[in-house]
N, C-alpha and C. Protein backbone atom coordinates (compact mmCIF):
# COMPACT_ATOMS: atom_id res chain seq x y z
N MET A 1 173.84 86.99 93.51
CA MET A 1 174.57 87.02 92.24
C MET A 1 173.74 86.39 91.14
N GLY A 2 173.00 85.31 91.45
CA GLY A 2 172.18 84.64 90.46
C GLY A 2 171.12 85.55 89.88
N LEU A 3 170.54 86.43 90.72
CA LEU A 3 169.51 87.36 90.26
C LEU A 3 170.09 88.33 89.24
N ILE A 4 171.26 88.86 89.54
CA ILE A 4 171.90 89.81 88.63
C ILE A 4 172.25 89.12 87.31
N ALA A 5 172.81 87.92 87.39
CA ALA A 5 173.16 87.19 86.17
C ALA A 5 171.92 86.89 85.34
N SER A 6 170.82 86.53 86.01
CA SER A 6 169.57 86.26 85.29
C SER A 6 169.05 87.50 84.60
N MET A 7 169.15 88.65 85.27
CA MET A 7 168.68 89.89 84.66
C MET A 7 169.56 90.31 83.49
N LEU A 8 170.86 90.12 83.63
CA LEU A 8 171.75 90.45 82.51
C LEU A 8 171.45 89.57 81.31
N ALA A 9 171.19 88.29 81.56
CA ALA A 9 170.85 87.39 80.46
C ALA A 9 169.53 87.79 79.83
N LEU A 10 168.58 88.19 80.67
CA LEU A 10 167.26 88.56 80.18
C LEU A 10 167.28 89.87 79.40
N PHE A 11 168.00 90.86 79.90
CA PHE A 11 167.99 92.18 79.31
C PHE A 11 169.25 92.50 78.49
N GLY A 12 170.16 91.56 78.41
CA GLY A 12 171.41 91.84 77.70
C GLY A 12 172.22 92.83 78.50
N CYS A 13 172.81 93.77 77.86
CA CYS A 13 173.65 94.74 78.56
C CYS A 13 172.97 96.10 78.68
N ASP A 14 171.65 96.14 78.57
CA ASP A 14 170.91 97.39 78.69
C ASP A 14 170.82 97.78 80.16
N GLN A 15 171.73 98.63 80.60
CA GLN A 15 171.84 99.00 82.02
C GLN A 15 170.55 99.62 82.55
N GLN A 16 169.87 100.41 81.73
CA GLN A 16 168.64 101.06 82.18
C GLN A 16 167.59 100.00 82.53
N LYS A 17 167.45 98.98 81.69
CA LYS A 17 166.48 97.92 81.98
C LYS A 17 166.89 97.13 83.22
N VAL A 18 168.18 96.89 83.39
CA VAL A 18 168.66 96.19 84.58
C VAL A 18 168.35 97.02 85.83
N ASP A 19 168.63 98.32 85.77
CA ASP A 19 168.35 99.19 86.91
C ASP A 19 166.86 99.20 87.25
N GLU A 20 166.00 99.26 86.23
CA GLU A 20 164.55 99.24 86.46
C GLU A 20 164.13 97.93 87.10
N ALA A 21 164.66 96.82 86.61
CA ALA A 21 164.32 95.51 87.17
C ALA A 21 164.78 95.39 88.62
N MET A 22 165.98 95.90 88.92
CA MET A 22 166.50 95.86 90.28
C MET A 22 165.64 96.71 91.21
N LYS A 23 165.22 97.87 90.73
CA LYS A 23 164.38 98.74 91.55
C LYS A 23 163.05 98.06 91.85
N LYS A 24 162.46 97.44 90.82
CA LYS A 24 161.19 96.75 91.00
C LYS A 24 161.35 95.56 91.95
N ALA A 25 162.42 94.80 91.81
CA ALA A 25 162.68 93.67 92.70
C ALA A 25 162.84 94.16 94.13
N GLY A 26 163.51 95.30 94.29
CA GLY A 26 163.68 95.88 95.63
C GLY A 26 162.36 96.27 96.24
N GLU A 27 161.47 96.87 95.45
CA GLU A 27 160.14 97.25 95.94
C GLU A 27 159.35 96.01 96.32
N THR A 28 159.44 94.97 95.50
CA THR A 28 158.72 93.72 95.77
C THR A 28 159.20 93.11 97.08
N VAL A 29 160.51 93.05 97.24
CA VAL A 29 161.07 92.49 98.48
C VAL A 29 160.64 93.33 99.68
N ARG A 30 160.71 94.65 99.56
CA ARG A 30 160.33 95.53 100.66
C ARG A 30 158.84 95.36 101.00
N ASN A 31 157.99 95.30 99.97
CA ASN A 31 156.55 95.12 100.20
C ASN A 31 156.26 93.77 100.84
N THR A 32 156.96 92.74 100.40
CA THR A 32 156.77 91.41 100.99
C THR A 32 157.18 91.42 102.45
N TRP A 33 158.33 92.01 102.75
CA TRP A 33 158.79 92.09 104.14
C TRP A 33 157.79 92.86 105.00
N ASN A 34 157.28 93.99 104.50
CA ASN A 34 156.33 94.76 105.28
C ASN A 34 155.05 93.98 105.55
N ALA A 35 154.65 93.12 104.62
CA ALA A 35 153.44 92.33 104.78
C ALA A 35 153.60 91.24 105.83
N ILE A 36 154.81 90.75 106.03
CA ILE A 36 155.00 89.62 106.93
C ILE A 36 155.79 89.95 108.19
N LYS A 37 156.34 91.15 108.28
CA LYS A 37 157.17 91.47 109.45
C LYS A 37 156.32 91.40 110.72
N PRO A 38 156.93 91.02 111.82
CA PRO A 38 156.18 90.94 113.08
C PRO A 38 155.57 92.28 113.47
N ASP A 39 154.44 92.23 114.16
CA ASP A 39 153.79 93.46 114.60
C ASP A 39 154.75 94.34 115.40
N SER A 40 155.63 93.72 116.17
CA SER A 40 156.56 94.48 117.00
C SER A 40 157.52 95.32 116.15
N GLU A 41 157.70 94.96 114.88
CA GLU A 41 158.59 95.70 113.99
C GLU A 41 157.85 96.65 113.06
N LEU A 42 156.53 96.47 112.96
CA LEU A 42 155.75 97.21 111.96
C LEU A 42 155.87 98.72 112.14
N PHE A 43 155.75 99.21 113.36
CA PHE A 43 155.77 100.65 113.60
C PHE A 43 156.98 101.07 114.43
N LYS A 44 158.03 100.27 114.39
CA LYS A 44 159.23 100.54 115.17
C LYS A 44 159.79 101.92 114.80
N GLY A 45 159.98 102.75 115.81
CA GLY A 45 160.52 104.09 115.59
C GLY A 45 159.49 105.14 115.24
N ILE A 46 158.23 104.75 115.07
CA ILE A 46 157.17 105.71 114.75
C ILE A 46 156.60 106.26 116.07
N VAL A 47 156.64 107.56 116.21
CA VAL A 47 156.22 108.21 117.46
C VAL A 47 155.03 109.13 117.17
N PRO A 48 153.85 108.80 117.76
CA PRO A 48 152.71 109.69 117.58
C PRO A 48 153.05 111.11 118.02
N GLY A 49 152.60 112.07 117.21
CA GLY A 49 152.85 113.47 117.49
C GLY A 49 154.16 113.98 116.89
N GLN A 50 155.04 113.06 116.48
CA GLN A 50 156.32 113.46 115.92
C GLN A 50 156.55 112.92 114.51
N SER A 51 156.28 111.63 114.31
CA SER A 51 156.57 111.01 113.01
C SER A 51 155.58 111.47 111.95
N THR A 52 156.06 111.55 110.72
CA THR A 52 155.22 111.97 109.60
C THR A 52 154.64 110.75 108.88
N GLU A 53 153.66 111.00 108.03
CA GLU A 53 153.08 109.92 107.23
C GLU A 53 154.16 109.29 106.34
N GLU A 54 155.04 110.11 105.81
CA GLU A 54 156.12 109.59 104.96
C GLU A 54 157.01 108.62 105.74
N GLU A 55 157.35 108.98 106.97
CA GLU A 55 158.17 108.09 107.81
C GLU A 55 157.41 106.80 108.12
N LEU A 56 156.13 106.93 108.38
CA LEU A 56 155.29 105.76 108.65
C LEU A 56 155.29 104.81 107.46
N ARG A 57 155.05 105.34 106.27
CA ARG A 57 155.01 104.50 105.07
C ARG A 57 156.38 103.87 104.77
N ARG A 58 157.44 104.57 105.07
CA ARG A 58 158.78 104.01 104.87
C ARG A 58 158.99 102.81 105.80
N GLN A 59 158.48 102.90 107.02
CA GLN A 59 158.65 101.84 108.01
C GLN A 59 157.63 100.71 107.83
N ALA A 60 156.36 101.05 107.67
CA ALA A 60 155.29 100.05 107.66
C ALA A 60 154.84 99.65 106.26
N GLY A 61 155.20 100.41 105.26
CA GLY A 61 154.81 100.09 103.89
C GLY A 61 153.49 100.72 103.50
N LYS A 62 153.01 100.27 102.37
CA LYS A 62 151.77 100.79 101.81
C LYS A 62 150.57 100.24 102.59
N PRO A 63 149.66 101.11 103.01
CA PRO A 63 148.47 100.63 103.72
C PRO A 63 147.51 99.93 102.76
N GLU A 64 146.65 99.11 103.31
CA GLU A 64 145.63 98.41 102.52
C GLU A 64 144.65 99.42 101.91
N ILE A 65 144.29 100.41 102.72
CA ILE A 65 143.34 101.42 102.26
C ILE A 65 143.59 102.70 103.07
N VAL A 66 143.24 103.84 102.47
CA VAL A 66 143.38 105.13 103.14
C VAL A 66 142.04 105.85 103.03
N TRP A 67 141.55 106.32 104.16
CA TRP A 67 140.33 107.11 104.17
C TRP A 67 140.67 108.56 104.45
N GLU A 68 140.07 109.44 103.69
CA GLU A 68 140.21 110.88 103.93
C GLU A 68 139.16 111.26 104.97
N GLU A 69 139.58 111.98 106.00
CA GLU A 69 138.67 112.39 107.07
C GLU A 69 138.20 113.82 106.84
N ALA A 70 137.08 114.15 107.42
CA ALA A 70 136.48 115.48 107.24
C ALA A 70 137.37 116.60 107.78
N ASP A 71 138.18 116.29 108.79
CA ASP A 71 139.04 117.31 109.40
C ASP A 71 140.36 117.52 108.66
N GLY A 72 140.52 116.86 107.50
CA GLY A 72 141.76 116.99 106.74
C GLY A 72 142.77 115.91 107.05
N GLY A 73 142.48 115.10 108.05
CA GLY A 73 143.36 113.99 108.39
C GLY A 73 143.09 112.77 107.52
N ARG A 74 143.79 111.69 107.85
CA ARG A 74 143.63 110.46 107.09
C ARG A 74 143.67 109.28 108.07
N ARG A 75 143.05 108.18 107.66
CA ARG A 75 143.07 106.94 108.45
C ARG A 75 143.62 105.85 107.54
N LEU A 76 144.73 105.24 107.96
CA LEU A 76 145.43 104.22 107.17
C LEU A 76 145.24 102.86 107.83
N GLU A 77 144.89 101.87 107.01
CA GLU A 77 144.61 100.52 107.51
C GLU A 77 145.75 99.57 107.17
N TYR A 78 146.20 98.84 108.18
CA TYR A 78 147.24 97.82 108.02
C TYR A 78 146.74 96.49 108.58
N PRO A 79 145.98 95.71 107.78
CA PRO A 79 145.52 94.41 108.27
C PRO A 79 146.66 93.40 108.25
N ARG A 80 146.68 92.49 109.17
CA ARG A 80 147.74 91.49 109.26
C ARG A 80 147.21 90.10 108.94
N GLY A 81 146.09 90.03 108.23
CA GLY A 81 145.45 88.75 107.90
C GLY A 81 145.80 88.30 106.51
N PRO A 82 145.16 87.27 106.02
CA PRO A 82 143.96 86.67 106.60
C PRO A 82 144.23 85.75 107.79
N GLU A 83 145.43 85.27 107.96
CA GLU A 83 145.71 84.37 109.07
C GLU A 83 146.10 85.13 110.34
N GLY A 84 146.43 86.40 110.22
CA GLY A 84 146.83 87.19 111.37
C GLY A 84 145.65 87.51 112.27
N THR A 85 145.93 88.03 113.43
CA THR A 85 144.88 88.33 114.40
C THR A 85 144.86 89.80 114.79
N THR A 86 145.53 90.64 114.01
CA THR A 86 145.53 92.07 114.32
C THR A 86 145.28 92.88 113.05
N THR A 87 144.67 94.02 113.25
CA THR A 87 144.53 95.03 112.21
C THR A 87 144.86 96.36 112.87
N TRP A 88 145.78 97.07 112.28
CA TRP A 88 146.22 98.35 112.82
C TRP A 88 145.61 99.49 112.01
N MET A 89 145.12 100.49 112.71
CA MET A 89 144.65 101.72 112.09
C MET A 89 145.55 102.84 112.60
N VAL A 90 146.03 103.64 111.65
CA VAL A 90 146.89 104.76 111.99
C VAL A 90 146.18 106.04 111.57
N THR A 91 146.01 106.93 112.53
CA THR A 91 145.38 108.22 112.27
C THR A 91 146.48 109.25 112.00
N ILE A 92 146.36 109.89 110.85
CA ILE A 92 147.27 110.96 110.46
C ILE A 92 146.50 112.27 110.62
N GLY A 93 147.05 113.20 111.38
CA GLY A 93 146.40 114.48 111.58
C GLY A 93 146.49 115.35 110.34
N ALA A 94 145.73 116.43 110.35
CA ALA A 94 145.75 117.37 109.22
C ALA A 94 147.14 117.96 109.03
N ASP A 95 147.99 117.91 110.06
CA ASP A 95 149.36 118.41 109.97
C ASP A 95 150.32 117.41 109.32
N GLY A 96 149.81 116.22 108.94
CA GLY A 96 150.64 115.22 108.28
C GLY A 96 151.42 114.34 109.24
N LYS A 97 151.17 114.49 110.55
CA LYS A 97 151.88 113.68 111.54
C LYS A 97 151.00 112.58 112.09
N VAL A 98 151.64 111.50 112.49
CA VAL A 98 150.93 110.37 113.08
C VAL A 98 150.30 110.84 114.39
N ALA A 99 148.99 110.71 114.50
CA ALA A 99 148.30 111.13 115.72
C ALA A 99 148.04 109.94 116.64
N LYS A 100 147.74 108.76 116.04
CA LYS A 100 147.38 107.61 116.86
C LYS A 100 147.63 106.32 116.08
N ILE A 101 148.08 105.29 116.79
CA ILE A 101 148.23 103.95 116.24
C ILE A 101 147.44 103.02 117.14
N GLU A 102 146.47 102.30 116.56
CA GLU A 102 145.66 101.40 117.40
C GLU A 102 145.40 100.07 116.71
N GLN A 103 145.41 99.02 117.51
CA GLN A 103 145.04 97.68 117.07
C GLN A 103 143.54 97.59 117.30
N VAL A 104 142.77 97.42 116.21
CA VAL A 104 141.31 97.58 116.30
C VAL A 104 140.53 96.30 116.51
N LEU A 105 141.17 95.14 116.42
CA LEU A 105 140.45 93.90 116.65
C LEU A 105 140.47 93.59 118.14
N SER A 106 139.53 94.21 118.84
CA SER A 106 139.46 94.10 120.29
C SER A 106 138.00 94.02 120.74
N ALA A 107 137.78 93.48 121.92
CA ALA A 107 136.43 93.39 122.47
C ALA A 107 135.79 94.77 122.57
N GLU A 108 136.59 95.79 122.90
CA GLU A 108 136.06 97.14 123.03
C GLU A 108 135.53 97.66 121.69
N ASN A 109 136.26 97.41 120.62
CA ASN A 109 135.79 97.85 119.30
C ASN A 109 134.61 97.01 118.83
N PHE A 110 134.66 95.71 119.08
CA PHE A 110 133.53 94.85 118.68
C PHE A 110 132.24 95.32 119.36
N ALA A 111 132.34 95.80 120.58
CA ALA A 111 131.17 96.27 121.31
C ALA A 111 130.57 97.54 120.68
N ARG A 112 131.33 98.21 119.84
CA ARG A 112 130.85 99.43 119.18
C ARG A 112 129.99 99.12 117.94
N VAL A 113 130.00 97.87 117.48
CA VAL A 113 129.21 97.49 116.31
C VAL A 113 127.73 97.49 116.68
N ARG A 114 126.94 98.16 115.89
CA ARG A 114 125.50 98.29 116.15
C ARG A 114 124.70 97.92 114.90
N ALA A 115 123.49 97.40 115.15
CA ALA A 115 122.57 97.11 114.05
C ALA A 115 122.34 98.40 113.26
N GLY A 116 122.29 98.26 111.94
CA GLY A 116 122.05 99.40 111.07
C GLY A 116 123.32 100.03 110.50
N MET A 117 124.48 99.71 111.08
CA MET A 117 125.73 100.25 110.54
C MET A 117 125.96 99.70 109.14
N SER A 118 126.63 100.47 108.30
CA SER A 118 126.91 100.05 106.91
C SER A 118 128.22 99.26 106.84
N LYS A 119 128.44 98.63 105.71
CA LYS A 119 129.70 97.92 105.47
C LYS A 119 130.88 98.89 105.56
N ASP A 120 130.70 100.10 105.05
CA ASP A 120 131.76 101.10 105.12
C ASP A 120 132.05 101.47 106.57
N ASP A 121 131.00 101.61 107.39
CA ASP A 121 131.20 101.91 108.82
C ASP A 121 132.04 100.81 109.47
N ILE A 122 131.72 99.57 109.16
CA ILE A 122 132.42 98.44 109.77
C ILE A 122 133.86 98.38 109.27
N ARG A 123 134.06 98.60 107.98
CA ARG A 123 135.42 98.58 107.43
C ARG A 123 136.28 99.67 108.08
N ARG A 124 135.72 100.84 108.29
CA ARG A 124 136.47 101.93 108.94
C ARG A 124 136.76 101.61 110.40
N LEU A 125 135.87 100.87 111.05
CA LEU A 125 136.03 100.53 112.47
C LEU A 125 136.97 99.35 112.67
N LEU A 126 136.79 98.27 111.88
CA LEU A 126 137.51 97.02 112.12
C LEU A 126 138.50 96.64 111.03
N GLY A 127 138.42 97.29 109.89
CA GLY A 127 139.33 96.97 108.80
C GLY A 127 138.84 95.83 107.94
N LYS A 128 139.75 95.30 107.15
CA LYS A 128 139.46 94.23 106.20
C LYS A 128 139.16 92.93 106.94
N PRO A 129 138.05 92.28 106.62
CA PRO A 129 137.75 91.01 107.30
C PRO A 129 138.70 89.89 106.87
N SER A 130 138.87 88.91 107.75
CA SER A 130 139.69 87.74 107.44
C SER A 130 138.98 86.84 106.44
N ARG A 131 137.66 86.80 106.56
CA ARG A 131 136.87 86.00 105.63
C ARG A 131 135.52 86.66 105.40
N VAL A 132 134.97 86.40 104.21
CA VAL A 132 133.65 86.89 103.84
C VAL A 132 132.87 85.69 103.31
N GLU A 133 131.70 85.47 103.88
CA GLU A 133 130.86 84.35 103.46
C GLU A 133 129.48 84.88 103.08
N ALA A 134 128.94 84.34 101.99
CA ALA A 134 127.61 84.72 101.54
C ALA A 134 126.66 83.54 101.72
N PHE A 135 125.50 83.82 102.28
CA PHE A 135 124.47 82.81 102.49
C PHE A 135 123.24 83.23 101.70
N ALA A 136 123.13 82.69 100.49
CA ALA A 136 122.10 83.12 99.55
C ALA A 136 120.69 82.91 100.08
N LEU A 137 120.43 81.76 100.70
CA LEU A 137 119.08 81.48 101.18
C LEU A 137 118.65 82.43 102.30
N LYS A 138 119.58 82.83 103.12
CA LYS A 138 119.28 83.78 104.21
C LYS A 138 119.39 85.22 103.75
N LYS A 139 119.90 85.40 102.50
CA LYS A 139 120.15 86.74 101.98
C LYS A 139 121.02 87.53 102.97
N GLU A 140 122.13 86.88 103.32
CA GLU A 140 123.00 87.42 104.35
C GLU A 140 124.46 87.27 103.93
N GLU A 141 125.26 88.26 104.30
CA GLU A 141 126.70 88.19 104.12
C GLU A 141 127.32 88.34 105.51
N VAL A 142 128.34 87.53 105.78
CA VAL A 142 128.98 87.56 107.10
C VAL A 142 130.46 87.83 106.93
N TRP A 143 130.94 88.88 107.60
CA TRP A 143 132.36 89.20 107.63
C TRP A 143 132.92 88.66 108.93
N GLY A 144 133.99 87.86 108.82
CA GLY A 144 134.62 87.29 110.00
C GLY A 144 135.99 87.91 110.26
N TYR A 145 136.24 88.23 111.51
CA TYR A 145 137.51 88.82 111.94
C TYR A 145 138.19 87.88 112.92
N ARG A 146 139.33 87.31 112.51
CA ARG A 146 140.12 86.46 113.41
C ARG A 146 140.82 87.37 114.43
N TRP A 147 140.73 86.99 115.69
CA TRP A 147 141.35 87.81 116.73
C TRP A 147 141.75 86.93 117.90
N MET A 148 142.57 87.49 118.78
CA MET A 148 142.99 86.77 119.98
C MET A 148 141.96 87.07 121.07
N GLU A 149 141.07 86.09 121.29
CA GLU A 149 140.01 86.25 122.29
C GLU A 149 140.59 86.24 123.71
N THR A 150 141.60 85.41 123.90
CA THR A 150 142.38 85.42 125.14
C THR A 150 143.84 85.45 124.70
N SER A 151 144.73 85.44 125.65
CA SER A 151 146.15 85.50 125.29
C SER A 151 146.62 84.25 124.54
N THR A 152 145.83 83.17 124.58
CA THR A 152 146.22 81.93 123.90
C THR A 152 145.20 81.41 122.89
N ASP A 153 144.00 81.96 122.89
CA ASP A 153 142.93 81.42 122.03
C ASP A 153 142.49 82.38 120.95
N LYS A 154 142.48 81.87 119.71
CA LYS A 154 141.96 82.63 118.57
C LYS A 154 140.47 82.32 118.43
N ALA A 155 139.72 83.29 117.95
CA ALA A 155 138.30 83.11 117.67
C ALA A 155 137.95 84.03 116.52
N PHE A 156 136.70 83.93 116.05
CA PHE A 156 136.20 84.83 115.03
C PHE A 156 135.08 85.67 115.62
N PHE A 157 135.16 86.98 115.37
CA PHE A 157 134.04 87.88 115.62
C PHE A 157 133.39 88.06 114.26
N ASN A 158 132.09 87.82 114.18
CA ASN A 158 131.38 87.85 112.91
C ASN A 158 130.36 88.98 112.88
N VAL A 159 130.32 89.69 111.77
CA VAL A 159 129.35 90.76 111.56
C VAL A 159 128.43 90.32 110.43
N HIS A 160 127.13 90.26 110.72
CA HIS A 160 126.12 89.79 109.76
C HIS A 160 125.43 91.00 109.11
N PHE A 161 125.39 90.97 107.76
CA PHE A 161 124.75 92.05 107.00
C PHE A 161 123.55 91.50 106.24
N ASN A 162 122.49 92.30 106.14
CA ASN A 162 121.35 91.91 105.31
C ASN A 162 121.63 92.27 103.85
N SER A 163 120.67 92.03 102.98
CA SER A 163 120.86 92.26 101.54
C SER A 163 121.05 93.75 101.22
N ASP A 164 120.67 94.64 102.13
CA ASP A 164 120.88 96.07 101.93
C ASP A 164 122.28 96.52 102.38
N GLY A 165 123.06 95.59 102.97
CA GLY A 165 124.40 95.93 103.43
C GLY A 165 124.43 96.57 104.80
N SER A 166 123.36 96.36 105.58
CA SER A 166 123.30 96.90 106.94
C SER A 166 123.51 95.78 107.96
N VAL A 167 124.17 96.11 109.05
CA VAL A 167 124.40 95.13 110.11
C VAL A 167 123.06 94.72 110.73
N THR A 168 122.89 93.41 110.87
CA THR A 168 121.69 92.90 111.55
C THR A 168 122.04 92.36 112.93
N THR A 169 123.19 91.69 113.04
CA THR A 169 123.62 91.13 114.32
C THR A 169 125.11 90.80 114.26
N THR A 170 125.63 90.34 115.36
CA THR A 170 127.01 89.85 115.41
C THR A 170 127.00 88.48 116.07
N SER A 171 128.08 87.74 115.89
CA SER A 171 128.19 86.43 116.53
C SER A 171 129.66 86.12 116.75
N ARG A 172 129.89 85.02 117.42
CA ARG A 172 131.24 84.54 117.69
C ARG A 172 131.33 83.10 117.23
N SER A 173 132.47 82.72 116.68
CA SER A 173 132.70 81.32 116.31
C SER A 173 134.14 80.95 116.62
N ASP A 174 134.34 79.65 116.83
CA ASP A 174 135.70 79.16 117.07
C ASP A 174 136.54 79.29 115.82
N ASP A 175 137.82 79.52 116.01
CA ASP A 175 138.75 79.52 114.90
C ASP A 175 138.91 78.06 114.46
N PRO A 176 138.91 77.79 113.14
CA PRO A 176 139.04 76.41 112.68
C PRO A 176 140.30 75.72 113.20
N SER A 177 141.34 76.46 113.51
CA SER A 177 142.57 75.83 114.01
C SER A 177 142.38 75.20 115.38
N ARG A 178 141.31 75.57 116.08
CA ARG A 178 141.02 74.98 117.39
C ARG A 178 140.31 73.64 117.26
N MET A 179 139.71 73.39 116.11
CA MET A 179 138.97 72.15 115.90
C MET A 179 139.93 71.04 115.49
N GLN A 180 139.58 69.84 115.87
CA GLN A 180 140.43 68.70 115.54
C GLN A 180 140.59 68.58 114.03
N GLY A 181 141.82 68.47 113.59
CA GLY A 181 142.10 68.36 112.16
C GLY A 181 142.20 69.71 111.48
N GLY A 182 141.98 70.85 112.19
CA GLY A 182 141.98 72.17 111.57
C GLY A 182 143.29 72.84 111.57
């Protein structure tokens, strides 16, 4: 009730402005919920091979980024960071239906990272990094991905890029929350 009273005070009795403000508030609330809802709820009711991209977006919200694929399909990224430990990639077929939903922060995907890959290659494979650090003296940028290394332990998988934006190596580091005082 307080929200409605505040909007009426702000906009007077202009119903159109009140309706626009309510719609925007609704979108904000929905987007906030989609950003924080548990992974178990993110794709609830979405069935690969049956659900459409429209149904996916209604349930999971707006993706962080969408890539157009050569076959007419699309790849939608749903990162759950920066503090989260999962990033979901949803493949939409050329028919507009969900083809695959996968959590990409895994040892299997990390093993696919190779020297010489570009930043775009890594973003398409692993999604948005949890952290990005630049080391000017080494002329290196490191993208860190927080993930569940075991069922109880978080860690970072790090991808190191040279000044040309190509992968040079990878590394592993402890999650700061594991360190005393972190």
